[in-house]
Amino acid sequence: MNAQPDRHKLSLYNTLTRKKEIFAPADPNRVTMYVCGPTVYNHAHIGNARPAVVFDVLARLLRRLYPHVVYARNITDIEDKIIAAAKAQGVEISVVTEKYAQIYRDDMGVLGVLAPDLEPKATENVPEMISMMERLIASGNAYAAEGHVLFNVPSFAGYGKLSGRDRDDMIAGARVEVAPYKKDPADFVLWKPSAADQPGWESPWGRGRPGWHIECSAMIERHLGPTIDIHGGGIDLQFPHHENELAQSTCTHGVPLARFWLHNGFVNMGTEKMSKSLGNVLLVHDLISHAPGEAIRLALLNAHYRQPLDWTEEGLQQAKRMLDRLYGALRGLADVKSEPTNDAAPDEFMAALTDDLNTPRALAVLFDLAKQANTATDPGTRAQLKAALIGAGRLIGLLEMTPEAWFAGAGAASHIDGEEVERLIAARNAARKARDFAEADRIRGALADMGVAIEDGPQGTSWRVAG
């Protein structure tokens, strides 16, 4: 397969052009996508989870349409908030960043977010950032001043095109630092000096550390090339972060940084903007302790990715009920033998997803399949519906467990891996058959440690979430 089938032309809304366009990668055999990842100094909130889930769906879809996709999502592990957190705890910054990077991966994994192909870290790409700054200085697009390196915004005529802001709005929106060494108020920092008690790297401008914006430009250049197919992130990154990335990279290479720019909308708490000042920040780490990961994922996909999403407890409970219906339909097809793949996703479902990731319409197709499955009697039709349900669901990261596991309680306890439970039960049954009762007891204990209670009966071994 060298390209997507004609009937499934992918269209995406390009923030740069303000319109939906047919997606055609520069190289159909190597599709490249870069999404801005977390700054790891604390737990991720539900707003941080939305781009992780949205672009996970897009990556899954791209892999369905193209033979090779390279998806990079970075880790920002050097930043002033990280330095402050490490100082407050009296530890090296790596202690903070490694802890929260792993928590982020684990939490997103509970939401069904697959690991990216590449996860570059800022601290591992500082030489590439310094190289880019040297080239920008040489071309007249940046300058050194008092141990700093700054991008010269007036040198790039296209600045502001991505965000669509005028100069005054950009200066106000960037909350720019007033500094005597700036040539222009809009100029932004690429490099800044580090004090003796701060992390730093040697550079032509003295010991210091990179600014936030230069990171992604340098990591994209190193790992994916001068121009990528898709650059994604939350709408809050459109300005100034992505605007600055676009300027740096275009001036360095003389070609566009990305052919498509995609941005997901905000997550609001009810009808209020989520903010620390309002005290309504909802951490994913807290949420997954009492809500199923798949339900959280579905709640995030219930609205179109470009629209704001009002997060409510009722919306989360509705997502749980929706999954009950889907898993209920699959439970009714338990007697049907099938080996579904993503290719089993029906055309109507693919048409919705390839129309700028229209997940609400795709979910409507999924529930129509479930409705048909509940009344179908023909064996061939039931087999096709089961394959379509599972194939479509898995393409958007849903229906990943068995109905038995979902209804036994794994759906209510997202920390329990239903497939792992089934594997352990099978191993225990094999040990009992071999009269290795010590191993069988060990496995029962391991299941109990996971929070799983098992019961042996005439129909075999069943399990439930303990308590």
Protein backbone atom coordinates (compact mmCIF):
# COMPACT_ATOMS: atom_id res chain seq x y z
CA MET A 1 0.00 0.00 0.00
CA ASN A 2 1.65 3.24 -1.14
CA ALA A 3 -1.09 5.71 -0.29
CA GLN A 4 -4.55 6.03 1.15
CA PRO A 5 -7.45 4.55 -0.87
CA ASP A 6 -9.27 7.11 -3.04
CA ARG A 7 -12.56 6.61 -1.19
CA HIS A 8 -10.89 7.66 2.06
CA LYS A 9 -9.22 10.96 1.22
CA LEU A 10 -8.18 12.54 4.49
CA SER A 11 -9.10 16.19 4.95
CA LEU A 12 -7.77 18.25 7.86
CA TYR A 13 -8.36 21.82 9.01
CA ASN A 14 -5.11 23.70 8.55
CA THR A 15 -4.81 26.50 11.11
CA LEU A 16 -2.30 28.27 8.88
CA THR A 17 -4.69 28.61 5.92
CA ARG A 18 -7.91 28.74 7.99
CA LYS A 19 -9.55 26.06 5.87
CA LYS A 20 -10.02 22.34 5.49
CA GLU A 21 -7.65 20.83 2.95
CA ILE A 22 -7.03 17.40 1.45
CA PHE A 23 -4.03 15.93 3.21
CA ALA A 24 -1.27 14.72 0.92
CA PRO A 25 2.10 14.03 2.59
CA ALA A 26 5.35 15.01 0.95
CA ASP A 27 6.33 11.33 0.97
CA PRO A 28 3.43 8.84 1.24
CA ASN A 29 5.93 6.23 2.42
CA ARG A 30 7.09 8.37 5.37
CA VAL A 31 4.40 10.54 6.95
CA THR A 32 5.78 12.78 9.69
CA MET A 33 3.88 14.29 12.63
CA TYR A 34 5.18 16.21 15.64
CA VAL A 35 3.03 17.13 18.64
CA CYS A 36 4.15 19.30 21.53
CA GLY A 37 4.29 17.15 24.66
CA PRO A 38 4.32 17.90 28.38
CA THR A 39 6.55 20.13 30.48
CA VAL A 40 7.28 17.63 33.23
CA TYR A 41 7.25 19.30 36.65
CA ASN A 42 3.80 18.25 37.87
CA HIS A 43 0.84 15.99 37.06
CA ALA A 44 -1.00 16.47 33.76
CA HIS A 45 -4.53 17.90 33.89
CA ILE A 46 -7.48 16.88 31.73
CA GLY A 47 -6.71 19.72 29.31
CA ASN A 48 -3.24 18.22 28.74
CA ALA A 49 -4.89 14.86 28.04
CA ARG A 50 -7.01 16.16 25.18
CA PRO A 51 -4.18 16.66 22.64
CA ALA A 52 -2.62 13.35 23.74
CA VAL A 53 -5.88 11.53 22.92
CA VAL A 54 -6.76 13.55 19.80
CA PHE A 55 -3.39 13.10 18.13
CA ASP A 56 -3.29 9.45 19.19
CA VAL A 57 -6.47 8.99 17.14
CA LEU A 58 -4.89 10.84 14.23
CA ALA A 59 -1.74 8.70 14.45
CA ARG A 60 -3.86 5.53 14.44
CA LEU A 61 -5.79 6.81 11.41
CA LEU A 62 -2.63 7.77 9.53
CA ARG A 63 -1.21 4.29 10.15
CA ARG A 64 -4.42 2.83 8.71
CA LEU A 65 -4.00 4.96 5.57
CA TYR A 66 -0.24 4.94 5.04
CA PRO A 67 2.47 2.26 5.26
CA HIS A 68 4.89 4.21 7.47
CA VAL A 69 4.19 7.00 9.96
CA VAL A 70 6.77 8.66 12.22
CA TYR A 71 5.02 10.29 15.17
CA ALA A 72 7.15 12.36 17.58
CA ARG A 73 5.93 13.86 20.86
CA ASN A 74 8.57 15.68 22.87
CA ILE A 75 9.32 16.00 26.57
CA THR A 76 10.24 19.50 27.81
CA ASP A 77 12.62 18.71 30.67
CA ILE A 78 14.33 22.09 31.10
CA GLU A 79 12.21 25.09 32.01
CA ASP A 80 11.99 27.64 34.81
CA LYS A 81 9.05 25.87 36.54
CA ILE A 82 11.07 22.65 36.55
CA ILE A 83 14.08 24.44 38.02
CA ALA A 84 11.88 25.98 40.73
CA ALA A 85 10.30 22.62 41.59
CA ALA A 86 13.71 20.92 41.84
CA LYS A 87 15.08 23.72 43.99
CA ALA A 88 12.08 23.53 46.34
CA GLN A 89 12.65 19.78 46.74
CA GLY A 90 16.43 20.07 46.99
CA VAL A 91 17.05 17.64 44.11
CA GLU A 92 18.51 17.65 40.60
CA ILE A 93 16.05 18.58 37.84
CA SER A 94 16.29 15.06 36.40
CA VAL A 95 14.71 13.67 39.59
CA VAL A 96 11.64 15.85 38.98
CA THR A 97 11.48 15.39 35.22
CA GLU A 98 11.97 11.63 35.15
CA LYS A 99 9.31 11.14 37.84
CA TYR A 100 6.66 13.22 36.11
CA ALA A 101 7.53 12.07 32.59
CA GLN A 102 6.84 8.48 33.67
CA ILE A 103 3.65 9.46 35.47
CA TYR A 104 2.54 11.23 32.28
CA ARG A 105 3.26 8.14 30.15
CA ASP A 106 1.44 5.89 32.61
CA ASP A 107 -1.58 8.17 32.96
CA MET A 108 -1.93 8.61 29.21
CA GLY A 109 -1.54 4.86 28.79
CA VAL A 110 -4.59 4.34 31.01
CA LEU A 111 -6.47 6.54 28.52
CA GLY A 112 -5.38 4.23 25.70
CA VAL A 113 -2.78 6.62 24.32
CA LEU A 114 -0.11 4.63 22.48
CA ALA A 115 3.55 5.57 22.89
CA PRO A 116 4.85 7.84 20.10
CA ASP A 117 7.53 6.53 17.76
CA LEU A 118 9.94 9.18 19.03
CA GLU A 119 10.04 11.00 22.38
CA PRO A 120 12.90 13.51 22.14
CA LYS A 121 13.89 15.34 25.32
CA ALA A 122 14.97 18.97 25.29
CA THR A 123 18.07 18.34 27.42
CA GLU A 124 19.31 15.76 24.90
CA ASN A 125 19.13 18.21 21.99
CA VAL A 126 20.89 21.33 23.29
CA PRO A 127 23.78 21.14 20.74
CA GLU A 128 21.18 21.16 17.94
CA MET A 129 19.53 24.23 19.48
CA ILE A 130 22.87 26.04 19.72
CA SER A 131 23.58 25.19 16.06
CA MET A 132 20.23 26.61 14.99
CA MET A 133 20.85 29.82 16.95
CA GLU A 134 24.26 30.24 15.32
CA ARG A 135 22.67 29.98 11.88
CA LEU A 136 19.91 32.43 12.80
CA ILE A 137 22.53 34.95 14.00
CA ALA A 138 24.52 34.46 10.79
CA SER A 139 21.43 35.16 8.65
CA GLY A 140 20.52 38.28 10.61
CA ASN A 141 17.37 36.76 12.10
CA ALA A 142 18.77 36.63 15.65
CA TYR A 143 21.31 38.52 17.73
CA ALA A 144 23.31 38.09 20.92
CA ALA A 145 23.02 40.60 23.74
CA GLU A 146 24.25 40.44 27.34
CA GLY A 147 24.51 36.65 27.43
CA HIS A 148 21.15 36.23 25.69
CA VAL A 149 20.25 35.27 22.14
CA LEU A 150 17.03 36.78 20.82
CA PHE A 151 15.03 36.24 17.65
CA ASN A 152 14.63 39.46 15.67
CA VAL A 153 10.90 39.42 14.92
CA PRO A 154 10.91 42.31 12.39
CA SER A 155 13.37 40.31 10.26
CA PHE A 156 10.64 37.79 9.39
CA ALA A 157 7.83 39.33 7.36
CA GLY A 158 5.55 36.32 7.86
CA TYR A 159 5.42 36.66 11.65
CA GLY A 160 1.81 36.61 12.86
CA LYS A 161 0.37 34.64 9.94
CA LEU A 162 -0.29 31.47 11.96
CA SER A 163 -2.14 33.21 14.80
CA GLY A 164 -3.68 35.93 12.64
CA ARG A 165 -2.80 38.58 15.22
CA ASP A 166 -1.63 42.12 14.59
CA ARG A 167 1.57 43.43 16.12
CA ASP A 168 0.02 45.08 19.20
CA ASP A 169 -2.01 41.96 20.02
CA MET A 170 1.06 39.79 19.66
CA ILE A 171 3.17 41.89 21.97
CA ALA A 172 0.37 41.93 24.58
CA GLY A 173 -0.44 38.23 24.14
CA ALA A 174 3.14 37.08 24.51
CA ARG A 175 3.56 38.85 27.87
CA VAL A 176 6.98 39.82 26.59
CA GLU A 177 9.71 40.75 29.01
CA VAL A 178 10.79 44.39 28.80
CA ALA A 179 14.57 44.35 28.59
CA PRO A 180 17.05 47.06 27.59
CA TYR A 181 19.02 44.66 25.37
CA LYS A 182 16.03 43.98 23.07
CA LYS A 183 16.08 45.60 19.65
CA ASP A 184 12.30 45.30 19.36
CA PRO A 185 9.64 44.74 22.06
CA ALA A 186 8.34 41.65 20.20
CA ASP A 187 11.73 39.91 20.08
CA PHE A 188 11.76 36.65 22.03
CA VAL A 189 14.48 34.76 23.88
CA LEU A 190 16.25 31.78 22.32
CA TRP A 191 19.00 31.49 24.95
CA LYS A 192 19.44 32.96 28.42
CA PRO A 193 22.24 32.93 30.97
CA SER A 194 22.14 30.51 33.91
CA ALA A 195 23.16 31.46 37.43
CA ALA A 196 25.66 29.27 39.26
CA ASP A 197 22.87 27.38 41.05
CA GLN A 198 20.87 26.80 37.84
CA PRO A 199 21.32 24.08 35.20
CA GLY A 200 23.31 25.29 32.23
CA TRP A 201 25.31 24.38 29.13
CA GLU A 202 28.36 26.00 27.62
CA SER A 203 27.69 28.03 24.48
CA PRO A 204 29.31 30.74 22.35
CA TRP A 205 27.36 33.25 24.46
CA GLY A 206 28.37 31.88 27.85
CA ARG A 207 26.89 29.29 30.16
CA GLY A 208 23.14 29.23 29.87
CA ARG A 209 20.05 27.32 28.84
CA PRO A 210 17.61 27.37 25.93
CA GLY A 211 14.34 29.24 25.83
CA TRP A 212 11.20 27.17 25.38
CA HIS A 213 10.44 28.02 21.76
CA ILE A 214 13.74 26.93 20.20
CA GLU A 215 13.41 23.39 21.58
CA CYS A 216 10.81 22.02 19.20
CA SER A 217 12.32 23.63 16.10
CA ALA A 218 15.67 21.99 16.80
CA MET A 219 14.18 18.60 17.70
CA ILE A 220 12.01 18.57 14.57
CA GLU A 221 15.04 19.37 12.42
CA ARG A 222 17.14 16.63 13.99
CA HIS A 223 14.58 13.83 14.15
CA LEU A 224 12.16 14.50 11.28
CA GLY A 225 13.72 17.01 8.86
CA PRO A 226 13.29 20.68 7.93
CA THR A 227 9.64 20.30 6.86
CA ILE A 228 7.14 17.93 8.44
CA ASP A 229 3.67 16.96 7.29
CA ILE A 230 1.73 17.77 10.48
CA HIS A 231 2.48 19.85 13.55
CA GLY A 232 -0.10 19.59 16.33
CA GLY A 233 -0.93 20.79 19.81
CA GLY A 234 -3.49 22.60 21.90
CA ILE A 235 -4.93 25.92 20.75
CA ASP A 236 -3.10 27.60 23.64
CA LEU A 237 0.18 26.86 21.82
CA GLN A 238 -0.84 28.59 18.59
CA PHE A 239 0.60 31.84 19.95
CA PRO A 240 3.29 32.49 20.87
CA HIS A 241 4.87 29.02 20.90
CA HIS A 242 3.95 27.75 17.44
CA GLU A 243 4.19 31.20 15.87
CA ASN A 244 7.76 31.42 17.17
CA GLU A 245 8.61 27.90 16.04
CA LEU A 246 7.37 28.68 12.54
CA ALA A 247 9.50 31.85 12.38
CA GLN A 248 12.70 30.20 13.67
CA SER A 249 12.50 27.17 11.44
CA THR A 250 11.48 29.04 8.29
CA CYS A 251 14.34 31.50 8.72
CA THR A 252 16.81 28.66 9.37
CA HIS A 253 15.84 26.47 6.43
CA GLY A 254 14.11 28.76 3.96
CA VAL A 255 11.21 26.29 3.75
CA PRO A 256 7.99 25.91 5.78
CA LEU A 257 8.25 24.09 9.11
CA ALA A 258 4.97 22.20 8.63
CA ARG A 259 2.56 21.70 5.78
CA PHE A 260 -0.41 21.29 8.13
CA TRP A 261 -0.93 22.91 11.54
CA LEU A 262 -3.60 21.32 13.75
CA HIS A 263 -4.88 22.63 17.07
CA ASN A 264 -7.41 21.15 19.48
CA GLY A 265 -9.79 23.32 21.50
CA PHE A 266 -9.71 24.09 25.21
CA VAL A 267 -11.22 21.90 27.92
CA ASN A 268 -13.42 23.96 30.24
CA MET A 269 -14.62 22.85 33.66
CA GLY A 270 -18.36 23.06 33.14
CA THR A 271 -18.67 26.48 31.55
CA GLU A 272 -15.64 27.99 33.28
CA LYS A 273 -12.13 28.10 31.95
CA MET A 274 -9.90 25.70 33.87
CA SER A 275 -7.32 27.63 35.87
CA LYS A 276 -5.32 27.39 39.08
CA SER A 277 -6.73 30.71 40.25
CA LEU A 278 -10.26 29.29 40.14
CA GLY A 279 -9.14 26.11 41.86
CA ASN A 280 -10.84 23.91 39.26
CA VAL A 281 -7.85 22.10 37.74
CA LEU A 282 -8.69 18.40 37.32
CA LEU A 283 -5.64 16.12 37.30
CA VAL A 284 -5.74 12.98 35.16
CA HIS A 285 -3.86 11.11 37.89
CA ASP A 286 -6.73 11.76 40.31
CA LEU A 287 -9.44 11.10 37.73
CA ILE A 288 -8.20 7.64 36.73
CA SER A 289 -8.31 6.47 40.35
CA HIS A 290 -12.12 6.36 40.20
CA ALA A 291 -13.08 6.46 36.51
CA PRO A 292 -12.42 4.00 33.67
CA GLY A 293 -9.67 5.08 31.31
CA GLU A 294 -11.81 4.24 28.27
CA ALA A 295 -14.67 6.36 29.61
CA ILE A 296 -12.35 9.35 30.05
CA ARG A 297 -11.08 8.83 26.51
CA LEU A 298 -14.61 8.59 25.11
CA ALA A 299 -15.66 11.74 26.99
CA LEU A 300 -12.77 13.58 25.33
CA LEU A 301 -13.81 12.29 21.89
CA ASN A 302 -17.51 13.10 22.25
CA ALA A 303 -16.91 16.64 20.96
CA HIS A 304 -15.12 17.55 17.74
CA TYR A 305 -11.45 18.15 18.51
CA ARG A 306 -11.44 21.76 17.30
CA GLN A 307 -14.38 22.77 19.48
CA PRO A 308 -14.15 23.71 23.16
CA LEU A 309 -15.10 20.81 25.44
CA ASP A 310 -17.10 21.41 28.61
CA TRP A 311 -15.96 18.75 31.06
CA THR A 312 -18.60 17.62 33.57
CA GLU A 313 -19.09 14.63 35.85
CA GLU A 314 -22.36 13.91 34.04
CA GLY A 315 -20.51 13.84 30.71
CA LEU A 316 -18.09 11.30 32.15
CA GLN A 317 -20.92 9.14 33.49
CA GLN A 318 -22.64 9.35 30.11
CA ALA A 319 -19.44 8.08 28.45
CA LYS A 320 -19.43 5.15 30.89
CA ARG A 321 -23.05 4.32 29.97
CA MET A 322 -22.19 4.57 26.27
CA LEU A 323 -19.41 2.03 26.73
CA ASP A 324 -21.81 -0.22 28.65
CA ARG A 325 -24.00 -0.24 25.52
CA LEU A 326 -21.08 -1.02 23.20
CA TYR A 327 -19.67 -3.76 25.39
CA GLY A 328 -23.21 -5.08 25.88
CA ALA A 329 -23.58 -5.48 22.13
CA LEU A 330 -20.26 -7.33 22.00
CA ARG A 331 -21.30 -9.58 24.88
CA GLY A 332 -24.38 -10.53 22.86
CA LEU A 333 -22.04 -11.62 20.06
CA ALA A 334 -19.90 -13.81 22.32
CA ASP A 335 -20.77 -16.93 20.33
CA VAL A 336 -19.47 -15.37 17.09
CA LYS A 337 -15.94 -16.37 16.15
CA SER A 338 -14.06 -13.58 14.38
CA GLU A 339 -10.56 -12.18 14.06
CA PRO A 340 -11.27 -8.49 13.47
CA THR A 341 -8.64 -5.96 12.41
CA ASN A 342 -8.71 -2.22 11.86
CA ASP A 343 -9.46 -2.96 8.21
CA ALA A 344 -12.90 -4.10 9.35
CA ALA A 345 -13.96 -0.51 10.13
CA PRO A 346 -16.90 0.25 7.80
CA ASP A 347 -16.81 2.90 5.11
CA GLU A 348 -19.22 5.21 6.95
CA PHE A 349 -16.95 5.18 9.97
CA MET A 350 -13.86 5.86 7.85
CA ALA A 351 -15.68 8.66 6.04
CA ALA A 352 -16.38 10.37 9.36
CA LEU A 353 -12.82 10.02 10.68
CA THR A 354 -11.22 11.16 7.43
CA ASP A 355 -13.43 14.27 7.49
CA ASP A 356 -11.17 16.25 9.83
CA LEU A 357 -11.40 13.63 12.60
CA ASN A 358 -15.16 13.95 13.03
CA THR A 359 -15.32 11.69 16.08
CA PRO A 360 -18.94 12.57 17.03
CA ARG A 361 -20.11 11.31 13.62
CA ALA A 362 -17.82 8.28 13.84
CA LEU A 363 -19.26 7.41 17.25
CA ALA A 364 -22.79 7.66 15.83
CA VAL A 365 -21.81 5.02 13.27
CA LEU A 366 -20.36 2.85 16.05
CA PHE A 367 -23.61 2.99 18.04
CA ASP A 368 -25.65 2.21 14.94
CA LEU A 369 -23.53 -0.94 14.52
CA ALA A 370 -24.24 -1.85 18.15
CA LYS A 371 -27.98 -1.33 17.59
CA GLN A 372 -27.91 -3.61 14.55
CA ALA A 373 -25.92 -6.21 16.47
CA ASN A 374 -28.56 -6.35 19.21
CA THR A 375 -31.25 -7.48 16.73
CA ALA A 376 -29.33 -9.36 14.03
CA THR A 377 -29.96 -13.11 13.74
CA ASP A 378 -28.17 -14.12 10.54
CA PRO A 379 -24.80 -15.70 11.46
CA GLY A 380 -22.94 -14.03 8.61
CA THR A 381 -24.36 -10.61 9.44
CA ARG A 382 -23.55 -11.03 13.12
CA ALA A 383 -19.95 -11.94 12.28
CA GLN A 384 -19.60 -8.88 10.07
CA LEU A 385 -21.08 -6.62 12.75
CA LYS A 386 -18.74 -7.98 15.43
CA ALA A 387 -15.72 -7.45 13.20
CA ALA A 388 -16.91 -3.94 12.31
CA LEU A 389 -17.58 -2.99 15.95
CA ILE A 390 -14.19 -4.11 17.19
CA GLY A 391 -12.29 -2.86 14.13
CA ALA A 392 -13.89 0.60 14.28
CA GLY A 393 -13.62 0.84 18.06
CA ARG A 394 -9.95 -0.03 18.15
CA LEU A 395 -9.20 2.48 15.40
CA ILE A 396 -10.13 5.21 17.88
CA GLY A 397 -8.75 3.39 20.93
CA LEU A 398 -11.99 1.95 22.33
CA LEU A 399 -13.30 -1.59 22.97
CA GLU A 400 -9.79 -2.74 23.83
CA MET A 401 -10.89 -5.23 26.52
CA THR A 402 -13.30 -8.15 26.57
CA PRO A 403 -16.94 -7.59 27.58
CA GLU A 404 -16.34 -9.98 30.50
CA ALA A 405 -13.49 -7.84 31.79
CA TRP A 406 -15.48 -4.61 31.35
CA PHE A 407 -18.57 -5.85 33.18
CA ALA A 408 -16.54 -7.70 35.82
CA GLY A 409 -15.31 -4.33 36.95
CA ALA A 410 -12.24 -3.44 34.92
CA GLY A 411 -14.35 -0.71 33.38
CA ALA A 412 -14.78 0.77 36.84
CA ALA A 413 -11.18 0.24 37.89
CA SER A 414 -8.97 1.50 35.12
CA HIS A 415 -5.81 0.31 36.82
CA ILE A 416 -6.78 -3.31 36.11
CA ASP A 417 -5.65 -4.81 32.80
CA GLY A 418 -8.40 -7.23 31.79
CA GLU A 419 -6.22 -9.08 29.29
CA GLU A 420 -3.52 -9.61 31.93
CA VAL A 421 -6.14 -10.96 34.35
CA GLU A 422 -7.36 -13.44 31.74
CA ARG A 423 -3.76 -14.51 31.04
CA LEU A 424 -3.07 -15.11 34.73
CA ILE A 425 -6.30 -17.08 35.17
CA ALA A 426 -5.35 -19.29 32.21
CA ALA A 427 -1.89 -19.84 33.75
CA ARG A 428 -3.46 -20.70 37.11
CA ASN A 429 -5.84 -23.19 35.51
CA ALA A 430 -2.91 -24.80 33.70
CA ALA A 431 -1.01 -25.07 37.00
CA ARG A 432 -3.99 -26.67 38.72
CA LYS A 433 -4.35 -29.16 35.88
CA ALA A 434 -0.68 -30.05 36.32
CA ARG A 435 -1.35 -30.36 40.08
CA ASP A 436 1.14 -27.57 40.76
CA PHE A 437 -0.98 -26.13 43.55
CA ALA A 438 1.80 -23.93 44.92
CA GLU A 439 1.99 -22.08 41.57
CA ALA A 440 -1.79 -21.86 41.40
CA ASP A 441 -1.88 -20.32 44.88
CA ARG A 442 0.91 -17.90 43.92
CA ILE A 443 -1.09 -16.71 40.91
CA ARG A 444 -4.23 -16.32 43.02
CA GLY A 445 -2.18 -14.16 45.39
CA ALA A 446 -0.86 -12.09 42.48
CA LEU A 447 -4.42 -11.51 41.27
CA ALA A 448 -5.47 -10.51 44.79
CA ASP A 449 -2.60 -8.01 44.87
CA MET A 450 -4.01 -6.52 41.64
CA GLY A 451 -7.38 -6.11 43.36
CA VAL A 452 -9.00 -9.05 41.57
CA ALA A 453 -11.09 -11.77 43.24
CA ILE A 454 -11.61 -15.09 41.41
CA GLU A 455 -14.25 -17.77 41.82
CA ASP A 456 -14.09 -21.33 40.52
CA GLY A 457 -17.39 -22.81 39.35
CA PRO A 458 -18.91 -25.42 37.01
CA GLN A 459 -18.56 -23.03 34.07
CA GLY A 460 -14.90 -22.29 34.80
CA THR A 461 -13.18 -19.44 36.60
CA SER A 462 -14.82 -16.01 36.78
CA TRP A 463 -13.37 -12.84 38.22
CA ARG A 464 -14.41 -9.50 39.59
CA VAL A 465 -12.83 -6.42 41.08
CA ALA A 466 -12.40 -7.08 44.80
CA GLY A 467 -14.40 -4.89 47.13
